[in-house]
Amino acid sequence: MRLATREIGQILQKDDERLHGKRNYIYFPMVSPCQRLIAFAASPDSHDHFEADYDLYLAHLNPVTLEIIGNPVRYTSFKGTDRYPDVYRTELPLGTRYVEGETTLDFAVKDVGKGPWGWHMTGKVNYEGDKVQHTFKKPGEYWIEARQLPDGRKLRGYVHVSPPAPPKVEGARREGKDGIVVDFDEPVDSREAIVKLADGTVLNGWKLSEGDLSLSVKLPEQSKDAEALVIEGFKDRAQHPNRMAATALRVPKAAWPATDEGLVFVWEQVRGLTKLPNGNPCTVVPQGVAFWDQRGAMKLRGGWFDAPDAGELVSSECRKTHEVSLEMVITPQGNVKEKEDRRILTLANNDQERNLTIIQRGPRLFLWMRTPANGPAGDVEETSLAVVQKGYPHHLVLAYGKDKLTVYVDGQVAWTRNRITGDFSNWESMKMRLGASSEGKQAWRGEIERVLIYNRKLRDEEVAQHANSSIVMSGQRLPVKEGVVWAKLTEMSPTPTLQEFQPILRLSSITSMK
């Protein structure tokens, strides 16, 4: 887990190509206290923890990235279960270094003693003396050995050189009406950087933030509709810095949010807006199995996000106006059964008292909203919102006011309904949760990228602008990898007759309900 963003990465997986072919199923991972080793067990696809024939493996780990270096080594061969180790690697006398690209390092013997020192570097490079300097030009693993003559005293060290790679742009996004934020995958050096428009106009006044991971640019008044932004000269912080090639970025057309009027909660991603223009905080805090993905979106795998400052504010502001608009970009991931009610967003204290709740049941989203006519749980009249597809992002907006609910899905009006009626005079201060109920139950699995709540009903043109900015955001994602499979048909089931289809034809009388 990258602690700054809570992004989850993968160290090992089942059938990992680095494992022995007969030990493909992995258990019990443990990183050593020194963070230089990872220990785990592996079995021949067996799952019984007490009787399975699993063996113990150790692998060298980069403590900076927690990536495995080289191949894991098998340490046991007993035909059954093996006692699990507590592993630790003492620091080498000459140290351990993890660097990127060509790097020059100094090594020295602290206790010189008597007699000359001879040095040997991987690659048959030899030196003499109690201090040496060596340049590592190629990626790989290097062992350093210093030996003193005549008594044979020996010291060792280790260097791992990663391949050089320049920083990469993870995406560009709007911040307000004239601001652009560019996110990098690692901290950057901007001392020789230039930021300009596609027509060559150089921009000044930009700055780095978020630990030099993000670039903030203000567009001049005459260039707010610029098509592209060009950045060049940004480098990483390696000893021999790797320079980015000039990169042209499409400027998101639509500002998000479209307006601050009536805005009571806003959340885009972990590096985006965290407070309202009036200064009110809009933070969200992960709980349980919840974290940020590589784009900074909320990732939910059974946990939830708490919005500690939002529940009371949203409840009180909407109670004043008797209107509400809620926008979300959600990507369902789990399979939800027809009889399960998985909570995506709740403004509630418990299942008997809730102002507003959006749930997924099967492939469909539903709304429970509290009014004097709809009961304290908001479920006297349940409203169907949309049908969603697993693994696909959906832009959802619901806007309620004056006894009318309008639902927008991916920028289009899905329907306007009047089943829910009444005002918000019975709304009370509630807790706001994303991905679970107010008590952390009925967890929903998926991703949430944007959340907006207004204390008024948004207009059609405002929803359209938000949907367009959402499309720009989705377009910045990495394309799905495609492959071609050549297959030969070896067997085919017989084609059913019309008589065998007869029971299905009886459903034709209800097709008009689609």
Protein backbone atom coordinates (compact mmCIF):
# COMPACT_ATOMS: atom_id res chain seq x y z
CA MET A 1 0.00 0.00 0.00
CA ARG A 2 1.32 3.42 -0.96
CA LEU A 3 0.63 5.28 2.27
CA ALA A 4 0.28 8.71 0.66
CA THR A 5 -2.66 7.60 -1.51
CA ARG A 6 -3.61 4.18 -0.02
CA GLU A 7 -3.14 2.73 -3.54
CA ILE A 8 -2.93 -1.06 -3.39
CA GLY A 9 -0.34 -2.91 -5.47
CA GLN A 10 0.37 -6.61 -6.01
CA ILE A 11 3.54 -8.37 -4.85
CA LEU A 12 2.75 -12.00 -5.69
CA GLN A 13 -0.17 -13.81 -7.24
CA LYS A 14 -1.36 -17.38 -7.67
CA ASP A 15 0.52 -19.13 -10.50
CA ASP A 16 3.19 -16.42 -10.35
CA GLU A 17 5.77 -17.09 -13.07
CA ARG A 18 8.59 -16.67 -10.54
CA LEU A 19 7.42 -19.69 -8.50
CA HIS A 20 8.32 -23.32 -8.93
CA GLY A 21 5.78 -25.00 -11.21
CA LYS A 22 4.62 -27.42 -8.51
CA ARG A 23 4.19 -24.72 -5.88
CA ASN A 24 1.63 -22.38 -7.39
CA TYR A 25 -0.75 -21.57 -4.53
CA ILE A 26 0.54 -19.07 -1.97
CA TYR A 27 -0.28 -18.50 1.72
CA PHE A 28 0.66 -16.45 4.77
CA PRO A 29 2.78 -13.60 3.37
CA MET A 30 4.97 -11.83 5.91
CA VAL A 31 7.39 -8.95 5.37
CA SER A 32 10.40 -9.07 7.67
CA PRO A 33 10.87 -6.28 10.26
CA CYS A 34 13.82 -5.02 8.21
CA GLN A 35 11.54 -4.89 5.10
CA ARG A 36 14.23 -6.51 2.97
CA LEU A 37 12.69 -10.00 2.85
CA ILE A 38 9.27 -11.49 2.30
CA ALA A 39 8.43 -14.98 3.56
CA PHE A 40 5.47 -17.00 2.32
CA ALA A 41 4.30 -20.56 1.90
CA ALA A 42 3.36 -22.23 -1.38
CA SER A 43 1.60 -25.52 -2.10
CA PRO A 44 0.69 -27.58 -5.19
CA ASP A 45 -2.78 -26.01 -5.39
CA SER A 46 -3.72 -27.44 -1.95
CA HIS A 47 -5.83 -25.48 0.50
CA ASP A 48 -5.85 -27.37 3.80
CA HIS A 49 -3.80 -25.34 6.27
CA PHE A 50 -3.14 -28.35 8.53
CA GLU A 51 -2.44 -31.14 6.05
CA ALA A 52 -1.46 -29.51 2.76
CA ASP A 53 2.08 -30.07 1.52
CA TYR A 54 3.22 -26.48 1.45
CA ASP A 55 6.83 -25.28 1.62
CA LEU A 56 8.43 -22.05 2.73
CA TYR A 57 9.94 -19.50 0.38
CA LEU A 58 11.97 -16.35 0.91
CA ALA A 59 12.43 -13.52 -1.55
CA HIS A 60 14.52 -10.37 -1.58
CA LEU A 61 12.32 -7.27 -1.28
CA ASN A 62 12.95 -3.64 -2.22
CA PRO A 63 11.97 -1.79 0.98
CA VAL A 64 11.16 1.41 -0.94
CA THR A 65 8.66 -0.13 -3.37
CA LEU A 66 8.01 -3.54 -1.73
CA GLU A 67 8.69 -5.20 -5.09
CA ILE A 68 10.33 -8.62 -5.23
CA ILE A 69 13.89 -8.64 -6.59
CA GLY A 70 14.91 -11.76 -8.47
CA ASN A 71 13.20 -15.12 -7.87
CA PRO A 72 11.90 -16.51 -4.57
CA VAL A 73 14.02 -19.30 -3.03
CA ARG A 74 12.51 -22.49 -1.64
CA TYR A 75 13.81 -23.26 1.88
CA THR A 76 11.93 -26.43 2.88
CA SER A 77 10.94 -29.72 1.25
CA PHE A 78 9.07 -31.59 4.01
CA LYS A 79 6.06 -33.58 2.71
CA GLY A 80 3.48 -31.81 4.84
CA THR A 81 3.08 -28.58 6.75
CA ASP A 82 6.18 -26.64 7.80
CA ARG A 83 6.75 -24.39 10.79
CA TYR A 84 6.51 -20.75 9.79
CA PRO A 85 9.66 -18.63 10.25
CA ASP A 86 10.26 -15.18 11.69
CA VAL A 87 12.83 -13.87 9.24
CA TYR A 88 15.22 -10.97 9.51
CA ARG A 89 18.27 -9.82 7.59
CA THR A 90 20.88 -7.89 9.54
CA GLU A 91 22.20 -4.83 7.74
CA LEU A 92 25.37 -5.57 5.82
CA PRO A 93 28.57 -3.87 7.05
CA LEU A 94 28.93 -1.98 3.76
CA GLY A 95 25.24 -1.12 3.59
CA THR A 96 22.37 -1.77 1.20
CA ARG A 97 21.45 0.74 -1.51
CA TYR A 98 18.45 0.94 -3.87
CA VAL A 99 19.01 3.41 -6.73
CA GLU A 100 17.63 4.20 -10.17
CA GLY A 101 19.69 4.46 -13.34
CA GLU A 102 23.41 5.19 -13.54
CA THR A 103 24.61 6.08 -10.04
CA THR A 104 28.01 6.71 -8.42
CA LEU A 105 28.35 5.50 -4.82
CA ASP A 106 31.06 5.73 -2.14
CA PHE A 107 32.04 2.84 0.11
CA ALA A 108 34.31 2.97 3.15
CA VAL A 109 35.61 0.66 5.87
CA LYS A 110 34.92 2.12 9.32
CA ASP A 111 37.37 -0.02 11.29
CA VAL A 112 40.40 0.05 9.00
CA GLY A 113 42.64 -2.21 11.11
CA LYS A 114 46.01 -3.42 9.84
CA GLY A 115 46.82 -4.53 6.34
CA PRO A 116 45.59 -3.45 2.89
CA TRP A 117 41.99 -3.77 1.73
CA GLY A 118 41.06 -5.27 -1.61
CA TRP A 119 37.62 -4.67 -3.16
CA HIS A 120 35.63 -6.77 -5.59
CA MET A 121 32.41 -5.59 -7.28
CA THR A 122 30.05 -7.85 -9.20
CA GLY A 123 31.35 -7.79 -12.74
CA LYS A 124 35.00 -8.43 -11.73
CA VAL A 125 35.86 -4.81 -10.97
CA ASN A 126 38.69 -4.56 -8.42
CA TYR A 127 39.95 -1.72 -6.23
CA GLU A 128 42.40 -1.21 -3.38
CA GLY A 129 42.22 1.03 -0.31
CA ASP A 130 39.91 1.60 2.65
CA LYS A 131 37.69 3.98 0.59
CA VAL A 132 36.46 3.44 -2.96
CA GLN A 133 34.04 5.03 -5.42
CA HIS A 134 32.27 3.10 -8.14
CA THR A 135 29.76 3.97 -10.88
CA PHE A 136 26.98 1.47 -11.53
CA LYS A 137 25.97 1.97 -15.13
CA LYS A 138 23.59 -0.91 -15.83
CA PRO A 139 20.43 -2.06 -14.02
CA GLY A 140 20.83 -5.18 -11.90
CA GLU A 141 22.00 -6.59 -8.56
CA TYR A 142 25.54 -5.95 -7.35
CA TRP A 143 27.39 -7.49 -4.40
CA ILE A 144 30.31 -5.55 -2.97
CA GLU A 145 33.04 -7.34 -1.07
CA ALA A 146 35.98 -5.85 0.79
CA ARG A 147 38.68 -8.25 2.05
CA GLN A 148 41.64 -7.39 4.25
CA LEU A 149 44.99 -9.09 3.91
CA PRO A 150 46.65 -11.01 5.41
CA ASP A 151 44.02 -12.12 8.01
CA GLY A 152 41.18 -12.56 5.49
CA ARG A 153 38.67 -10.30 7.23
CA LYS A 154 35.68 -9.82 4.86
CA LEU A 155 32.88 -7.21 4.63
CA ARG A 156 29.92 -7.22 2.24
CA GLY A 157 27.42 -4.76 0.80
CA TYR A 158 24.59 -4.78 -1.75
CA VAL A 159 23.35 -2.41 -4.47
CA HIS A 160 20.19 -2.77 -6.56
CA VAL A 161 19.95 -0.55 -9.65
CA SER A 162 16.50 -0.14 -11.19
CA PRO A 163 16.17 0.71 -14.90
CA PRO A 164 16.05 4.48 -15.48
CA ALA A 165 12.62 5.87 -16.30
CA PRO A 166 11.37 9.46 -16.59
CA PRO A 167 8.28 10.60 -14.67
CA LYS A 168 4.91 9.87 -16.23
CA VAL A 169 1.76 11.99 -16.34
CA GLU A 170 -1.21 10.26 -14.71
CA GLY A 171 -3.78 12.77 -15.95
CA ALA A 172 -4.95 16.36 -16.15
CA ARG A 173 -8.04 17.76 -14.45
CA ARG A 174 -9.86 21.04 -13.97
CA GLU A 175 -9.65 22.92 -10.69
CA GLY A 176 -12.21 25.69 -10.66
CA LYS A 177 -12.94 27.63 -13.82
CA ASP A 178 -9.40 28.53 -14.90
CA GLY A 179 -7.16 26.05 -13.10
CA ILE A 180 -5.54 22.88 -14.46
CA VAL A 181 -3.88 20.25 -12.26
CA VAL A 182 -1.44 17.73 -13.78
CA ASP A 183 -0.62 14.65 -11.68
CA PHE A 184 2.70 12.76 -11.94
CA ASP A 185 3.51 9.20 -10.86
CA GLU A 186 6.55 10.29 -8.81
CA PRO A 187 7.98 13.53 -7.33
CA VAL A 188 9.49 15.75 -10.03
CA ASP A 189 12.23 18.36 -10.37
CA SER A 190 10.91 21.47 -12.14
CA ARG A 191 14.01 23.70 -12.22
CA GLU A 192 14.30 23.45 -16.03
CA ALA A 193 10.60 22.98 -16.75
CA ILE A 194 8.47 24.95 -19.17
CA VAL A 195 4.67 25.03 -19.30
CA LYS A 196 2.98 26.44 -22.38
CA LEU A 197 -0.11 26.27 -24.54
CA ALA A 198 -0.22 24.38 -27.80
CA ASP A 199 0.23 27.68 -29.73
CA GLY A 200 3.56 28.29 -27.97
CA THR A 201 2.35 30.79 -25.36
CA VAL A 202 4.51 30.29 -22.26
CA LEU A 203 2.61 30.25 -18.96
CA ASN A 204 4.04 31.62 -15.73
CA GLY A 205 2.97 31.40 -12.12
CA TRP A 206 2.54 27.60 -12.06
CA LYS A 207 3.69 25.67 -9.01
CA LEU A 208 4.21 22.15 -7.67
CA SER A 209 2.22 20.76 -4.75
CA GLU A 210 1.37 17.48 -3.00
CA GLY A 211 5.02 16.66 -2.39
CA ASP A 212 5.95 17.69 -5.95
CA LEU A 213 3.53 15.09 -7.35
CA SER A 214 1.11 17.64 -8.86
CA LEU A 215 1.48 20.68 -11.09
CA SER A 216 -1.05 23.53 -10.70
CA VAL A 217 -1.52 25.90 -13.65
CA LYS A 218 -3.75 28.97 -13.94
CA LEU A 219 -4.94 29.65 -17.49
CA PRO A 220 -5.01 33.33 -18.52
CA GLU A 221 -8.40 34.86 -19.21
CA GLN A 222 -7.95 34.78 -22.99
CA SER A 223 -6.90 31.11 -22.93
CA LYS A 224 -9.56 29.47 -20.77
CA ASP A 225 -10.80 27.52 -23.80
CA ALA A 226 -7.34 26.23 -24.77
CA GLU A 227 -7.32 22.83 -26.45
CA ALA A 228 -4.02 21.52 -25.09
CA LEU A 229 -1.28 22.14 -22.56
CA VAL A 230 2.38 21.26 -23.25
CA ILE A 231 4.83 20.50 -20.44
CA GLU A 232 8.53 19.82 -20.92
CA GLY A 233 11.75 19.76 -18.91
CA PHE A 234 10.37 17.94 -15.86
CA LYS A 235 12.81 15.39 -14.42
CA ASP A 236 12.89 12.78 -11.68
CA ARG A 237 15.25 12.92 -8.72
CA ALA A 238 17.70 10.19 -9.67
CA GLN A 239 21.43 10.96 -9.39
CA HIS A 240 21.45 11.25 -13.18
CA PRO A 241 17.94 12.69 -13.64
CA ASN A 242 15.67 11.21 -16.28
CA ARG A 243 14.02 13.94 -18.31
CA MET A 244 10.45 13.72 -19.58
CA ALA A 245 9.89 14.23 -23.27
CA ALA A 246 7.68 17.18 -24.16
CA THR A 247 4.13 16.03 -23.43
CA ALA A 248 0.91 17.49 -24.82
CA LEU A 249 -2.13 17.12 -22.57
CA ARG A 250 -5.71 17.66 -23.59
CA VAL A 251 -7.27 20.37 -21.45
CA PRO A 252 -10.59 19.24 -19.91
CA LYS A 253 -13.27 21.41 -21.45
CA ALA A 254 -15.80 21.60 -18.65
CA ALA A 255 -15.09 22.98 -15.22
CA TRP A 256 -16.23 20.81 -12.37
CA PRO A 257 -18.26 21.67 -10.39
CA ALA A 258 -20.14 23.85 -12.87
CA THR A 259 -21.29 26.22 -10.14
CA ASP A 260 -20.86 26.82 -6.42
CA GLU A 261 -24.47 27.94 -5.99
CA GLY A 262 -26.08 25.73 -3.33
CA LEU A 263 -23.05 23.43 -3.10
CA VAL A 264 -22.88 21.65 0.27
CA PHE A 265 -20.52 18.72 -0.43
CA VAL A 266 -17.88 18.04 -3.08
CA TRP A 267 -15.37 15.21 -3.49
CA GLU A 268 -13.53 14.35 -6.70
CA GLN A 269 -10.49 12.23 -5.82
CA VAL A 270 -7.81 12.07 -3.15
CA ARG A 271 -5.77 14.84 -4.82
CA GLY A 272 -8.78 16.94 -5.80
CA LEU A 273 -11.07 19.32 -3.96
CA THR A 274 -11.35 18.69 -0.22
CA LYS A 275 -13.28 21.78 0.83
CA LEU A 276 -16.00 24.12 -0.39
CA PRO A 277 -15.31 27.67 -1.62
CA ASN A 278 -16.57 28.91 1.76
CA GLY A 279 -13.95 26.81 3.53
CA ASN A 280 -16.21 24.04 4.85
CA PRO A 281 -14.26 20.74 4.84
CA CYS A 282 -15.31 17.84 2.59
CA THR A 283 -12.88 15.14 3.64
CA VAL A 284 -13.58 11.42 3.47
CA VAL A 285 -11.81 8.84 5.64
CA PRO A 286 -11.34 5.17 4.62
CA GLN A 287 -12.57 2.49 7.03
CA GLY A 288 -11.88 -1.24 6.84
CA VAL A 289 -11.10 -2.64 3.39
CA ALA A 290 -11.32 0.71 1.60
CA PHE A 291 -8.51 2.70 0.00
CA TRP A 292 -7.62 4.91 -2.97
CA ASP A 293 -6.88 3.38 -6.37
CA GLN A 294 -4.14 4.61 -8.71
CA ARG A 295 -6.35 7.47 -9.95
CA GLY A 296 -7.19 8.55 -6.41
CA ALA A 297 -10.77 7.28 -6.56
CA MET A 298 -12.47 5.50 -3.65
CA LYS A 299 -11.91 1.75 -3.91
CA LEU A 300 -14.33 -0.39 -1.88
CA ARG A 301 -13.84 -4.10 -1.19
CA GLY A 302 -15.98 -4.55 1.90
CA GLY A 303 -15.07 -1.36 3.76
CA TRP A 304 -16.51 2.13 3.51
CA PHE A 305 -15.64 5.83 3.60
CA ASP A 306 -16.81 8.14 6.36
CA ALA A 307 -17.55 11.80 5.56
CA PRO A 308 -17.31 13.11 9.14
CA ASP A 309 -18.12 16.76 8.41
CA ALA A 310 -20.80 16.23 5.75
CA GLY A 311 -23.79 14.50 7.36
CA GLU A 312 -24.97 17.32 9.61
CA LEU A 313 -24.25 20.03 6.99
CA VAL A 314 -26.06 18.28 4.12
CA SER A 315 -29.07 17.46 6.31
CA SER A 316 -29.49 21.00 7.65
CA GLU A 317 -28.92 22.79 4.31
CA CYS A 318 -31.38 20.61 2.38
CA ARG A 319 -33.96 20.93 5.16
CA LYS A 320 -33.86 24.72 4.59
CA THR A 321 -34.60 24.52 0.84
CA HIS A 322 -36.57 21.21 0.61
CA GLU A 323 -34.50 20.38 -2.47
CA VAL A 324 -31.48 18.18 -3.17
CA SER A 325 -29.27 17.19 -6.10
CA LEU A 326 -26.74 14.37 -5.82
CA GLU A 327 -24.13 13.43 -8.42
CA MET A 328 -21.87 10.36 -8.39
CA VAL A 329 -19.58 8.50 -10.80
CA ILE A 330 -19.67 4.86 -9.75
CA THR A 331 -18.19 1.65 -11.14
CA PRO A 332 -19.83 -1.48 -9.65
CA GLN A 333 -17.42 -4.40 -9.20
CA GLY A 334 -19.13 -7.08 -7.16
CA ASN A 335 -22.03 -9.37 -8.09
CA VAL A 336 -25.07 -8.26 -6.08
CA LYS A 337 -27.90 -10.72 -5.56
CA GLU A 338 -31.52 -9.75 -6.15
CA LYS A 339 -32.37 -9.97 -2.43
CA GLU A 340 -29.32 -8.00 -1.23
CA ASP A 341 -29.42 -4.27 -0.55
CA ARG A 342 -25.87 -2.97 -0.88
CA ARG A 343 -25.45 0.64 0.29
CA ILE A 344 -23.59 3.00 -2.06
CA LEU A 345 -24.35 6.23 -0.18
CA THR A 346 -26.26 6.68 3.06
CA LEU A 347 -27.31 9.77 4.98
CA ALA A 348 -28.66 7.93 8.00
CA ASN A 349 -28.21 7.02 11.66
CA ASN A 350 -29.69 3.51 11.35
CA ASP A 351 -32.14 1.54 9.19
CA GLN A 352 -35.12 3.14 10.89
CA GLU A 353 -33.89 6.73 10.55
CA ARG A 354 -32.42 7.85 7.27
CA ASN A 355 -32.74 10.98 5.16
CA LEU A 356 -31.41 9.52 1.90
CA THR A 357 -29.94 6.21 0.78
CA ILE A 358 -28.84 4.87 -2.62
CA ILE A 359 -28.60 1.08 -2.84
CA GLN A 360 -27.78 -1.57 -5.43
CA ARG A 361 -29.99 -4.64 -5.62
CA GLY A 362 -29.06 -7.02 -8.40
CA PRO A 363 -28.07 -4.87 -11.39
CA ARG A 364 -30.41 -1.99 -10.44
CA LEU A 365 -30.02 1.12 -8.27
CA PHE A 366 -32.77 2.28 -5.91
CA LEU A 367 -33.44 5.40 -3.85
CA TRP A 368 -34.91 5.71 -0.37
CA MET A 369 -35.64 9.35 0.54
CA ARG A 370 -37.30 10.67 3.67
CA THR A 371 -40.30 12.99 3.49
CA PRO A 372 -43.33 13.29 5.78
CA ALA A 373 -45.24 11.21 3.22
CA ASN A 374 -42.47 8.63 2.74
CA GLY A 375 -41.78 7.74 6.37
CA PRO A 376 -38.76 8.14 8.68
CA ALA A 377 -36.84 5.40 6.80
CA GLY A 378 -37.72 6.85 3.38
CA ASP A 379 -38.88 3.49 2.04
CA VAL A 380 -42.67 3.77 1.89
CA GLU A 381 -42.14 4.52 -1.79
CA GLU A 382 -38.95 2.99 -3.22
CA THR A 383 -37.74 4.53 -6.47
CA SER A 384 -35.82 2.63 -9.15
CA LEU A 385 -33.03 4.82 -10.54
CA ALA A 386 -31.00 2.93 -13.16
CA VAL A 387 -29.63 -0.38 -14.36
CA VAL A 388 -25.84 -0.53 -13.98
CA GLN A 389 -23.21 -2.77 -15.52
CA LYS A 390 -20.39 -4.42 -13.57
CA GLY A 391 -16.98 -2.96 -14.37
CA TYR A 392 -18.43 0.02 -16.26
CA PRO A 393 -18.40 3.64 -14.91
CA HIS A 394 -21.81 5.32 -14.68
CA HIS A 395 -22.47 9.02 -14.19
CA LEU A 396 -25.57 9.28 -11.99
CA VAL A 397 -27.45 12.44 -11.03
CA LEU A 398 -30.72 12.64 -9.12
CA ALA A 399 -32.40 16.00 -8.59
CA TYR A 400 -35.46 16.48 -6.38
CA GLY A 401 -37.61 19.53 -5.76
CA LYS A 402 -41.27 20.47 -5.63
CA ASP A 403 -42.49 16.86 -5.58
CA LYS A 404 -40.57 16.02 -8.75
CA LEU A 405 -37.57 13.65 -9.01
CA THR A 406 -35.45 13.74 -12.18
CA VAL A 407 -32.86 11.03 -12.77
CA TYR A 408 -29.96 11.42 -15.21
CA VAL A 409 -27.75 8.51 -16.27
CA ASP A 410 -24.58 9.21 -18.27
CA GLY A 411 -25.80 12.71 -19.15
CA GLN A 412 -29.27 11.73 -20.37
CA VAL A 413 -32.61 12.06 -18.57
CA ALA A 414 -33.61 8.54 -17.60
CA TRP A 415 -37.02 9.59 -16.33
CA THR A 416 -38.93 12.11 -14.26
CA ARG A 417 -41.06 10.63 -11.50
CA ASN A 418 -43.55 11.91 -8.95
CA ARG A 419 -43.89 8.81 -6.74
CA ILE A 420 -41.97 10.49 -3.91
CA THR A 421 -43.74 13.58 -2.65
CA GLY A 422 -43.30 15.98 0.23
CA ASP A 423 -40.66 18.27 1.68
CA PHE A 424 -37.69 17.71 3.99
CA SER A 425 -39.22 19.16 7.15
CA ASN A 426 -38.59 15.83 8.94
CA TRP A 427 -34.92 15.60 7.95
CA GLU A 428 -32.61 15.29 10.95
CA SER A 429 -28.85 15.41 11.49
CA MET A 430 -27.45 12.14 10.09
CA LYS A 431 -24.12 10.42 9.46
CA MET A 432 -22.87 10.21 5.88
CA ARG A 433 -21.24 6.99 4.66
CA LEU A 434 -20.04 5.92 1.21
CA GLY A 435 -19.98 2.20 0.43
CA ALA A 436 -21.88 0.87 3.46
CA SER A 437 -24.73 1.56 5.88
CA SER A 438 -24.42 4.02 8.77
CA GLU A 439 -23.25 1.09 10.89
CA GLY A 440 -20.69 -0.14 8.34
CA LYS A 441 -22.85 -3.04 7.10
CA GLN A 442 -24.39 -4.05 3.72
CA ALA A 443 -21.06 -3.12 2.11
CA TRP A 444 -20.99 -2.34 -1.60
CA ARG A 445 -18.03 -3.27 -3.84
CA GLY A 446 -16.82 -0.92 -6.53
CA GLU A 447 -15.28 2.49 -7.17
CA ILE A 448 -16.59 6.00 -6.49
CA GLU A 449 -14.87 8.84 -8.34
CA ARG A 450 -17.02 11.92 -7.81
CA VAL A 451 -19.62 12.98 -5.30
CA LEU A 452 -21.53 16.28 -5.36
CA ILE A 453 -24.48 17.36 -3.21
CA TYR A 454 -26.42 20.61 -3.72
CA ASN A 455 -29.27 22.01 -1.63
CA ARG A 456 -31.18 22.82 -4.82
CA LYS A 457 -32.37 21.07 -7.95
CA LEU A 458 -29.81 21.29 -10.75
CA ARG A 459 -30.88 22.45 -14.17
CA ASP A 460 -30.55 20.28 -17.28
CA GLU A 461 -27.68 22.34 -18.70
CA GLU A 462 -25.71 22.08 -15.45
CA VAL A 463 -26.08 18.30 -15.41
CA ALA A 464 -24.97 18.15 -19.05
CA GLN A 465 -21.82 20.15 -18.25
CA HIS A 466 -20.96 17.82 -15.38
CA ALA A 467 -21.53 14.78 -17.56
CA ASN A 468 -19.21 16.18 -20.23
CA SER A 469 -16.44 16.78 -17.69
CA SER A 470 -17.01 13.23 -16.47
CA ILE A 471 -16.47 11.89 -19.99
CA VAL A 472 -13.15 13.77 -20.20
CA MET A 473 -12.06 12.20 -16.93
CA SER A 474 -12.94 8.71 -18.11
CA GLY A 475 -11.10 9.29 -21.37
CA GLN A 476 -7.82 9.77 -19.48
CA ARG A 477 -7.80 6.18 -18.29
CA LEU A 478 -5.46 3.62 -19.77
CA PRO A 479 -7.09 1.81 -22.70
CA VAL A 480 -8.20 -1.75 -22.14
CA LYS A 481 -5.68 -4.22 -23.54
CA GLU A 482 -6.99 -6.25 -26.45
CA GLY A 483 -5.90 -9.63 -27.72
CA VAL A 484 -6.69 -11.98 -30.59
CA VAL A 485 -7.49 -15.64 -29.99
CA TRP A 486 -7.52 -18.23 -32.79
CA ALA A 487 -9.87 -21.08 -31.95
CA LYS A 488 -11.13 -24.21 -33.66
CA LEU A 489 -14.72 -25.39 -33.14
CA THR A 490 -14.58 -29.00 -31.94
CA GLU A 491 -18.14 -29.53 -30.71
CA MET A 492 -21.48 -27.75 -30.87
CA SER A 493 -24.74 -28.43 -29.05
CA PRO A 494 -27.84 -29.06 -31.22
CA THR A 495 -30.06 -26.11 -32.10
CA PRO A 496 -33.29 -26.14 -30.01
CA THR A 497 -36.56 -26.57 -31.89
CA LEU A 498 -39.44 -24.09 -31.75
CA GLN A 499 -41.33 -26.49 -29.51
CA GLU A 500 -38.46 -26.40 -27.00
CA PHE A 501 -38.56 -22.61 -27.06
CA GLN A 502 -42.31 -22.56 -26.35
CA PRO A 503 -42.09 -21.82 -22.56
CA ILE A 504 -39.97 -18.75 -23.25
CA LEU A 505 -42.47 -17.38 -25.78
CA ARG A 506 -45.03 -17.03 -22.98
CA LEU A 507 -43.07 -14.01 -21.73
CA SER A 508 -43.92 -12.00 -24.83
CA SER A 509 -47.04 -10.58 -23.20
CA ILE A 510 -44.97 -8.46 -20.77
CA THR A 511 -42.36 -7.07 -23.16
CA SER A 512 -44.20 -3.74 -23.21
CA MET A 513 -43.01 -3.11 -19.64
CA LYS A 514 -39.41 -2.68 -20.81
